[in-house]
Amino acid sequence: MHKKLVEGVITVNEEKKTYYISVGAGEIMRVPNASPWEFKIEATDEEITEMRAVFDMMQDNSIGDFLRAHVPFVEYSHDPTNDAHDESLHKIFTMIYELGDAEAKQHVKSLGILDGFKSD
């Protein structure tokens, strides 16, 4: 952690660490061989805490999706838990794009998931 004085205000620059992300499993790992991963990123502790919160929210939404699946008259496109899941997934991929290495950025870009995202 580095402290820097800017115009009379002390700012703290957290050092970024390397993390390995598995979107499908909702895992954030510090060691590349701990489990399969898709994306390598550099992030501060605060950024990782934010990403973990989004993954946790996606897990909570998955429980809601499971319950909705047992109510046949609710359509996928009109279900708030699906909208929340889609928005969380978009947030995860946005963070991966912003924090990722060149390969991660290219992969996210090739998916087209960030192009014109809109949850109706």
N, C-alpha and C. Protein backbone atom coordinates (compact mmCIF):
# COMPACT_ATOMS: atom_id res chain seq x y z
N MET A 1 0.85 -1.16 0.00
CA MET A 1 0.00 0.00 0.00
C MET A 1 0.89 1.23 0.00
N HIS A 2 0.62 2.17 -0.89
CA HIS A 2 1.40 3.39 -1.00
C HIS A 2 0.52 4.57 -0.64
N LYS A 3 1.10 5.50 0.13
CA LYS A 3 0.38 6.73 0.45
C LYS A 3 1.02 7.85 -0.33
N LYS A 4 0.18 8.76 -0.83
CA LYS A 4 0.67 9.84 -1.65
C LYS A 4 -0.08 11.11 -1.26
N LEU A 5 0.66 12.23 -1.14
CA LEU A 5 0.06 13.50 -0.79
C LEU A 5 -0.26 14.24 -2.08
N VAL A 6 -1.55 14.52 -2.30
CA VAL A 6 -1.99 15.24 -3.47
C VAL A 6 -2.84 16.41 -3.02
N GLU A 7 -2.34 17.63 -3.24
CA GLU A 7 -3.04 18.86 -2.87
C GLU A 7 -3.57 18.81 -1.44
N GLY A 8 -2.72 18.45 -0.50
CA GLY A 8 -3.09 18.44 0.90
C GLY A 8 -3.93 17.25 1.34
N VAL A 9 -4.24 16.33 0.43
CA VAL A 9 -5.05 15.16 0.75
C VAL A 9 -4.18 13.93 0.59
N ILE A 10 -4.21 13.06 1.58
CA ILE A 10 -3.45 11.82 1.49
C ILE A 10 -4.32 10.78 0.81
N THR A 11 -3.82 10.23 -0.28
CA THR A 11 -4.54 9.17 -0.98
C THR A 11 -3.78 7.87 -0.79
N VAL A 12 -4.50 6.78 -0.80
CA VAL A 12 -3.89 5.47 -0.63
C VAL A 12 -4.05 4.70 -1.93
N ASN A 13 -2.92 4.28 -2.47
CA ASN A 13 -2.94 3.47 -3.69
C ASN A 13 -2.68 2.03 -3.28
N GLU A 14 -3.72 1.22 -3.34
CA GLU A 14 -3.54 -0.19 -3.02
C GLU A 14 -2.80 -0.87 -4.16
N GLU A 15 -1.94 -1.78 -3.79
CA GLU A 15 -1.24 -2.53 -4.82
C GLU A 15 -2.17 -3.58 -5.41
N LYS A 16 -2.05 -3.75 -6.69
CA LYS A 16 -2.86 -4.77 -7.37
C LYS A 16 -2.15 -6.10 -7.28
N LYS A 17 -2.95 -7.14 -7.15
CA LYS A 17 -2.46 -8.51 -7.10
C LYS A 17 -3.09 -9.28 -8.25
N THR A 18 -2.46 -10.37 -8.61
CA THR A 18 -2.98 -11.21 -9.69
C THR A 18 -4.01 -12.18 -9.13
N TYR A 19 -5.13 -12.28 -9.84
CA TYR A 19 -6.20 -13.22 -9.49
C TYR A 19 -6.61 -13.97 -10.74
N TYR A 20 -7.17 -15.14 -10.52
CA TYR A 20 -7.65 -16.00 -11.60
C TYR A 20 -9.14 -16.22 -11.38
N ILE A 21 -9.93 -15.96 -12.40
CA ILE A 21 -11.38 -15.92 -12.27
C ILE A 21 -12.03 -17.04 -13.06
N SER A 22 -12.96 -17.75 -12.42
CA SER A 22 -13.82 -18.70 -13.08
C SER A 22 -15.24 -18.18 -12.96
N VAL A 23 -15.78 -17.67 -14.05
CA VAL A 23 -17.11 -17.07 -14.03
C VAL A 23 -18.18 -18.12 -13.74
N GLY A 24 -18.12 -19.25 -14.41
CA GLY A 24 -19.13 -20.30 -14.24
C GLY A 24 -19.20 -20.82 -12.81
N ALA A 25 -18.05 -20.97 -12.19
CA ALA A 25 -18.01 -21.47 -10.81
C ALA A 25 -18.13 -20.35 -9.79
N GLY A 26 -18.01 -19.10 -10.24
CA GLY A 26 -18.07 -17.96 -9.33
C GLY A 26 -16.88 -17.92 -8.39
N GLU A 27 -15.71 -18.33 -8.90
CA GLU A 27 -14.52 -18.41 -8.06
C GLU A 27 -13.51 -17.33 -8.40
N ILE A 28 -12.86 -16.84 -7.35
CA ILE A 28 -11.76 -15.90 -7.46
C ILE A 28 -10.59 -16.55 -6.74
N MET A 29 -9.52 -16.82 -7.48
CA MET A 29 -8.38 -17.57 -6.91
C MET A 29 -7.10 -16.77 -7.02
N ARG A 30 -6.22 -16.96 -6.06
CA ARG A 30 -4.90 -16.32 -6.10
C ARG A 30 -3.87 -17.24 -6.76
N VAL A 31 -4.14 -18.53 -6.80
CA VAL A 31 -3.20 -19.51 -7.35
C VAL A 31 -3.79 -20.08 -8.63
N PRO A 32 -3.04 -20.06 -9.74
CA PRO A 32 -3.61 -20.48 -11.02
C PRO A 32 -3.93 -21.97 -11.12
N ASN A 33 -3.28 -22.79 -10.35
CA ASN A 33 -3.52 -24.23 -10.47
C ASN A 33 -4.44 -24.78 -9.40
N ALA A 34 -5.13 -23.90 -8.66
CA ALA A 34 -6.05 -24.34 -7.61
C ALA A 34 -7.32 -24.95 -8.21
N SER A 35 -7.73 -24.43 -9.35
CA SER A 35 -8.97 -24.86 -9.99
C SER A 35 -8.96 -24.30 -11.41
N PRO A 36 -9.76 -24.84 -12.31
CA PRO A 36 -9.81 -24.28 -13.66
C PRO A 36 -10.30 -22.83 -13.64
N TRP A 37 -9.72 -22.00 -14.47
CA TRP A 37 -10.10 -20.59 -14.55
C TRP A 37 -10.10 -20.14 -16.00
N GLU A 38 -10.82 -19.05 -16.26
CA GLU A 38 -10.92 -18.52 -17.62
C GLU A 38 -10.18 -17.20 -17.80
N PHE A 39 -10.08 -16.39 -16.74
CA PHE A 39 -9.57 -15.03 -16.89
C PHE A 39 -8.52 -14.70 -15.82
N LYS A 40 -7.49 -13.99 -16.24
CA LYS A 40 -6.46 -13.50 -15.33
C LYS A 40 -6.63 -11.99 -15.22
N ILE A 41 -6.70 -11.49 -13.98
CA ILE A 41 -6.87 -10.05 -13.76
C ILE A 41 -5.86 -9.55 -12.74
N GLU A 42 -5.70 -8.24 -12.68
CA GLU A 42 -4.91 -7.55 -11.67
C GLU A 42 -5.89 -6.64 -10.94
N ALA A 43 -6.03 -6.83 -9.62
CA ALA A 43 -7.04 -6.06 -8.87
C ALA A 43 -6.57 -5.75 -7.46
N THR A 44 -7.14 -4.68 -6.92
CA THR A 44 -6.90 -4.33 -5.52
C THR A 44 -7.83 -5.17 -4.64
N ASP A 45 -7.58 -5.15 -3.35
CA ASP A 45 -8.45 -5.86 -2.42
C ASP A 45 -9.88 -5.34 -2.51
N GLU A 46 -10.03 -4.04 -2.68
CA GLU A 46 -11.36 -3.43 -2.77
C GLU A 46 -12.10 -3.91 -4.02
N GLU A 47 -11.40 -3.99 -5.14
CA GLU A 47 -12.01 -4.46 -6.38
C GLU A 47 -12.43 -5.93 -6.27
N ILE A 48 -11.60 -6.72 -5.60
CA ILE A 48 -11.93 -8.14 -5.41
C ILE A 48 -13.12 -8.28 -4.47
N THR A 49 -13.20 -7.45 -3.46
CA THR A 49 -14.35 -7.48 -2.56
C THR A 49 -15.63 -7.16 -3.33
N GLU A 50 -15.55 -6.20 -4.24
CA GLU A 50 -16.72 -5.85 -5.06
C GLU A 50 -17.10 -7.01 -5.98
N MET A 51 -16.10 -7.65 -6.60
CA MET A 51 -16.38 -8.77 -7.48
C MET A 51 -16.99 -9.93 -6.70
N ARG A 52 -16.49 -10.21 -5.52
CA ARG A 52 -17.02 -11.28 -4.66
C ARG A 52 -18.48 -11.00 -4.33
N ALA A 53 -18.80 -9.73 -4.04
CA ALA A 53 -20.18 -9.37 -3.72
C ALA A 53 -21.10 -9.64 -4.92
N VAL A 54 -20.62 -9.36 -6.12
CA VAL A 54 -21.44 -9.62 -7.32
C VAL A 54 -21.62 -11.12 -7.51
N PHE A 55 -20.55 -11.90 -7.34
CA PHE A 55 -20.69 -13.36 -7.43
C PHE A 55 -21.67 -13.89 -6.38
N ASP A 56 -21.60 -13.35 -5.17
CA ASP A 56 -22.53 -13.77 -4.12
C ASP A 56 -23.97 -13.45 -4.49
N MET A 57 -24.17 -12.27 -5.08
CA MET A 57 -25.52 -11.88 -5.50
C MET A 57 -26.02 -12.83 -6.59
N MET A 58 -25.13 -13.24 -7.50
CA MET A 58 -25.51 -14.18 -8.55
C MET A 58 -25.92 -15.52 -7.94
N GLN A 59 -25.21 -15.94 -6.89
CA GLN A 59 -25.56 -17.20 -6.22
C GLN A 59 -26.95 -17.09 -5.58
N ASP A 60 -27.23 -15.97 -4.94
CA ASP A 60 -28.55 -15.74 -4.35
C ASP A 60 -29.63 -15.77 -5.43
N ASN A 61 -29.33 -15.15 -6.59
CA ASN A 61 -30.29 -15.15 -7.70
C ASN A 61 -30.53 -16.56 -8.23
N SER A 62 -29.50 -17.39 -8.19
CA SER A 62 -29.65 -18.77 -8.68
C SER A 62 -30.67 -19.54 -7.85
N ILE A 63 -30.72 -19.27 -6.58
CA ILE A 63 -31.72 -19.90 -5.72
C ILE A 63 -33.11 -19.45 -6.13
N GLY A 64 -33.24 -18.14 -6.40
CA GLY A 64 -34.52 -17.61 -6.88
C GLY A 64 -34.91 -18.20 -8.22
N ASP A 65 -33.92 -18.39 -9.10
CA ASP A 65 -34.18 -19.01 -10.40
C ASP A 65 -34.67 -20.44 -10.24
N PHE A 66 -34.08 -21.17 -9.32
CA PHE A 66 -34.49 -22.55 -9.05
C PHE A 66 -35.96 -22.58 -8.62
N LEU A 67 -36.32 -21.69 -7.72
CA LEU A 67 -37.70 -21.64 -7.25
C LEU A 67 -38.65 -21.25 -8.37
N ARG A 68 -38.23 -20.28 -9.22
CA ARG A 68 -39.08 -19.84 -10.33
C ARG A 68 -39.29 -20.97 -11.33
N ALA A 69 -38.29 -21.81 -11.50
CA ALA A 69 -38.39 -22.91 -12.47
C ALA A 69 -39.53 -23.85 -12.13
N HIS A 70 -39.98 -23.82 -10.91
CA HIS A 70 -41.07 -24.69 -10.48
C HIS A 70 -42.44 -24.01 -10.57
N VAL A 71 -42.43 -22.80 -11.14
CA VAL A 71 -43.68 -22.08 -11.37
C VAL A 71 -43.80 -21.90 -12.89
N PRO A 72 -44.49 -22.79 -13.56
CA PRO A 72 -44.46 -22.84 -15.02
C PRO A 72 -45.04 -21.63 -15.74
N PHE A 73 -45.86 -20.84 -15.11
CA PHE A 73 -46.50 -19.74 -15.83
C PHE A 73 -45.69 -18.45 -15.81
N VAL A 74 -44.53 -18.43 -15.13
CA VAL A 74 -43.67 -17.24 -15.13
C VAL A 74 -42.64 -17.41 -16.25
N GLU A 75 -42.68 -16.50 -17.22
CA GLU A 75 -41.75 -16.57 -18.35
C GLU A 75 -40.38 -16.02 -17.95
N TYR A 76 -39.33 -16.59 -18.55
CA TYR A 76 -37.96 -16.16 -18.27
C TYR A 76 -37.80 -14.66 -18.50
N SER A 77 -38.36 -14.18 -19.60
CA SER A 77 -38.16 -12.77 -19.98
C SER A 77 -38.90 -11.78 -19.08
N HIS A 78 -39.77 -12.28 -18.20
CA HIS A 78 -40.50 -11.39 -17.30
C HIS A 78 -40.20 -11.71 -15.83
N ASP A 79 -39.01 -12.18 -15.57
CA ASP A 79 -38.67 -12.59 -14.21
C ASP A 79 -37.55 -11.70 -13.66
N PRO A 80 -37.82 -10.99 -12.56
CA PRO A 80 -36.82 -10.08 -11.99
C PRO A 80 -35.52 -10.77 -11.57
N THR A 81 -35.59 -12.04 -11.13
CA THR A 81 -34.34 -12.71 -10.74
C THR A 81 -33.45 -12.94 -11.95
N ASN A 82 -34.04 -13.20 -13.10
CA ASN A 82 -33.24 -13.35 -14.32
C ASN A 82 -32.63 -12.03 -14.74
N ASP A 83 -33.38 -10.94 -14.61
CA ASP A 83 -32.84 -9.62 -14.92
C ASP A 83 -31.67 -9.30 -14.00
N ALA A 84 -31.81 -9.59 -12.73
CA ALA A 84 -30.73 -9.34 -11.78
C ALA A 84 -29.50 -10.19 -12.11
N HIS A 85 -29.73 -11.44 -12.49
CA HIS A 85 -28.62 -12.32 -12.87
C HIS A 85 -27.91 -11.77 -14.10
N ASP A 86 -28.66 -11.35 -15.10
CA ASP A 86 -28.08 -10.79 -16.32
C ASP A 86 -27.25 -9.54 -16.00
N GLU A 87 -27.78 -8.68 -15.16
CA GLU A 87 -27.06 -7.45 -14.79
C GLU A 87 -25.79 -7.78 -14.01
N SER A 88 -25.86 -8.77 -13.13
CA SER A 88 -24.68 -9.19 -12.37
C SER A 88 -23.62 -9.77 -13.30
N LEU A 89 -24.03 -10.57 -14.23
CA LEU A 89 -23.11 -11.17 -15.20
C LEU A 89 -22.44 -10.07 -16.04
N HIS A 90 -23.22 -9.09 -16.43
CA HIS A 90 -22.67 -7.96 -17.18
C HIS A 90 -21.63 -7.22 -16.33
N LYS A 91 -21.94 -7.02 -15.06
CA LYS A 91 -21.00 -6.34 -14.15
C LYS A 91 -19.70 -7.14 -14.03
N ILE A 92 -19.79 -8.46 -13.88
CA ILE A 92 -18.61 -9.31 -13.77
C ILE A 92 -17.75 -9.18 -15.03
N PHE A 93 -18.38 -9.29 -16.20
CA PHE A 93 -17.61 -9.21 -17.44
C PHE A 93 -17.03 -7.81 -17.66
N THR A 94 -17.73 -6.77 -17.21
CA THR A 94 -17.19 -5.42 -17.28
C THR A 94 -15.94 -5.32 -16.41
N MET A 95 -16.01 -5.86 -15.20
CA MET A 95 -14.85 -5.83 -14.31
C MET A 95 -13.69 -6.63 -14.89
N ILE A 96 -13.99 -7.79 -15.45
CA ILE A 96 -12.93 -8.61 -16.06
C ILE A 96 -12.29 -7.84 -17.21
N TYR A 97 -13.10 -7.17 -18.02
CA TYR A 97 -12.57 -6.40 -19.13
C TYR A 97 -11.68 -5.27 -18.62
N GLU A 98 -12.12 -4.57 -17.58
CA GLU A 98 -11.36 -3.44 -17.06
C GLU A 98 -10.09 -3.86 -16.33
N LEU A 99 -10.13 -4.99 -15.63
CA LEU A 99 -9.00 -5.42 -14.80
C LEU A 99 -8.14 -6.50 -15.44
N GLY A 100 -8.62 -7.08 -16.52
CA GLY A 100 -7.97 -8.24 -17.11
C GLY A 100 -6.72 -7.94 -17.90
N ASP A 101 -5.97 -9.01 -18.13
CA ASP A 101 -4.80 -8.90 -19.00
C ASP A 101 -5.29 -8.80 -20.45
N ALA A 102 -4.36 -8.67 -21.39
CA ALA A 102 -4.72 -8.50 -22.80
C ALA A 102 -5.57 -9.66 -23.30
N GLU A 103 -5.24 -10.88 -22.89
CA GLU A 103 -6.00 -12.05 -23.32
C GLU A 103 -7.43 -12.01 -22.79
N ALA A 104 -7.59 -11.62 -21.53
CA ALA A 104 -8.93 -11.52 -20.94
C ALA A 104 -9.76 -10.46 -21.65
N LYS A 105 -9.15 -9.31 -21.91
CA LYS A 105 -9.86 -8.24 -22.62
C LYS A 105 -10.32 -8.71 -24.00
N GLN A 106 -9.43 -9.37 -24.72
CA GLN A 106 -9.76 -9.84 -26.06
C GLN A 106 -10.89 -10.88 -26.01
N HIS A 107 -10.82 -11.78 -25.03
CA HIS A 107 -11.85 -12.82 -24.92
C HIS A 107 -13.22 -12.20 -24.62
N VAL A 108 -13.26 -11.28 -23.67
CA VAL A 108 -14.54 -10.62 -23.33
C VAL A 108 -15.06 -9.86 -24.53
N LYS A 109 -14.16 -9.16 -25.21
CA LYS A 109 -14.57 -8.41 -26.40
C LYS A 109 -15.13 -9.34 -27.47
N SER A 110 -14.50 -10.51 -27.65
CA SER A 110 -14.97 -11.45 -28.67
C SER A 110 -16.34 -12.05 -28.33
N LEU A 111 -16.67 -12.10 -27.04
CA LEU A 111 -17.97 -12.62 -26.63
C LEU A 111 -19.10 -11.67 -27.02
N GLY A 112 -18.78 -10.38 -27.12
CA GLY A 112 -19.78 -9.38 -27.46
C GLY A 112 -20.77 -9.10 -26.34
N ILE A 113 -20.48 -9.60 -25.15
CA ILE A 113 -21.42 -9.45 -24.04
C ILE A 113 -21.56 -8.00 -23.56
N LEU A 114 -20.57 -7.17 -23.82
CA LEU A 114 -20.63 -5.79 -23.37
C LEU A 114 -21.22 -4.86 -24.42
N ASP A 115 -21.43 -5.36 -25.62
CA ASP A 115 -21.97 -4.55 -26.71
C ASP A 115 -23.46 -4.30 -26.52
N GLY A 116 -23.82 -3.06 -26.30
CA GLY A 116 -25.23 -2.71 -26.24
C GLY A 116 -26.03 -3.46 -25.20
N PHE A 117 -25.43 -3.76 -24.04
CA PHE A 117 -26.16 -4.50 -23.01
C PHE A 117 -27.37 -3.71 -22.57
N LYS A 118 -28.49 -4.40 -22.49
CA LYS A 118 -29.74 -3.79 -22.03
C LYS A 118 -30.59 -4.89 -21.41
N SER A 119 -30.99 -4.68 -20.18
CA SER A 119 -31.87 -5.65 -19.52
C SER A 119 -33.27 -5.08 -19.50
N ASP A 120 -34.19 -5.71 -20.21
CA ASP A 120 -35.59 -5.22 -20.28
C ASP A 120 -36.44 -5.89 -19.25
